[in-house]
Amino acid sequence: MKISARNTLKGTIKTISVGAVNTEVAIEIAPGVEVVSIITKSSAERLDLAEGKEAYAVIKASEVMIAVD
């Protein structure tokens, strides 16, 4: 895989929740640490996602903000 995004987190798909239009995918990148993404149902099907399969969370952003209460 070659990609221009600098932030890729490799992990294992822990859960997939399929909806009518979108699919929620949780990738465990370390024990107890998950990254969750909402993608289209058609993208999830095209990627042939399945629980237990290795995948990458790719983060493309110009900035990350931090907030506190």
Protein backbone atom coordinates (compact mmCIF):
# COMPACT_ATOMS: atom_id res chain seq x y z
CA MET A 1 0.00 0.00 0.00
CA LYS A 2 1.28 3.46 -0.89
CA ILE A 3 -0.56 6.49 0.42
CA SER A 4 0.21 10.17 0.89
CA ALA A 5 -1.33 10.41 4.36
CA ARG A 6 1.31 10.33 7.07
CA ASN A 7 -0.86 8.99 9.85
CA THR A 8 -1.73 5.32 9.42
CA LEU A 9 -2.57 3.09 12.34
CA LYS A 10 -2.46 -0.65 11.72
CA GLY A 11 -4.79 -2.83 13.71
CA THR A 12 -7.40 -5.55 13.71
CA ILE A 13 -11.07 -5.01 12.96
CA LYS A 14 -12.87 -5.60 16.23
CA THR A 15 -16.48 -4.80 15.32
CA ILE A 16 -18.50 -3.93 12.23
CA SER A 17 -22.01 -2.48 12.58
CA VAL A 18 -23.81 -2.34 9.25
CA GLY A 19 -26.61 0.17 8.79
CA ALA A 20 -28.90 1.00 5.88
CA VAL A 21 -26.42 3.47 4.34
CA ASN A 22 -23.31 3.59 6.54
CA THR A 23 -21.13 1.09 8.37
CA GLU A 24 -19.33 1.70 11.68
CA VAL A 25 -15.92 0.01 11.85
CA ALA A 26 -13.87 -0.28 15.05
CA ILE A 27 -10.18 -1.10 14.65
CA GLU A 28 -8.18 -2.13 17.72
CA ILE A 29 -4.72 -0.55 17.30
CA ALA A 30 -3.38 -1.64 20.72
CA PRO A 31 -4.86 -3.68 23.56
CA GLY A 32 -7.90 -1.72 24.73
CA VAL A 33 -7.34 1.13 22.24
CA GLU A 34 -9.79 1.48 19.35
CA VAL A 35 -10.26 3.88 16.46
CA VAL A 36 -13.82 4.03 15.15
CA SER A 37 -14.83 5.25 11.70
CA ILE A 38 -18.11 5.62 9.84
CA ILE A 39 -17.81 4.72 6.15
CA THR A 40 -20.37 4.02 3.46
CA LYS A 41 -21.88 0.57 3.34
CA SER A 42 -20.68 0.18 -0.26
CA SER A 43 -17.08 1.03 0.75
CA ALA A 44 -17.16 -1.58 3.51
CA GLU A 45 -18.40 -4.16 1.01
CA ARG A 46 -15.79 -3.17 -1.60
CA LEU A 47 -13.01 -3.47 1.00
CA ASP A 48 -14.35 -6.89 2.02
CA LEU A 49 -14.10 -5.95 5.70
CA ALA A 50 -14.54 -8.65 8.33
CA GLU A 51 -14.02 -8.89 12.08
CA GLY A 52 -10.54 -10.20 12.85
CA LYS A 53 -9.07 -8.95 9.57
CA GLU A 54 -6.09 -6.57 9.61
CA ALA A 55 -6.79 -3.05 8.41
CA TYR A 56 -5.41 0.48 8.61
CA ALA A 57 -7.03 3.58 10.06
CA VAL A 58 -5.78 6.37 7.80
CA ILE A 59 -5.99 9.87 9.26
CA LYS A 60 -5.74 12.76 6.84
CA ALA A 61 -6.02 16.12 8.55
CA SER A 62 -4.21 19.41 8.48
CA GLU A 63 -4.53 19.79 12.24
CA VAL A 64 -5.61 17.99 15.39
CA MET A 65 -7.30 20.10 18.06
CA ILE A 66 -7.23 19.46 21.81
CA ALA A 67 -10.03 20.59 24.14
CA VAL A 68 -10.77 20.40 27.84
CA ASP A 69 -13.78 21.28 30.02
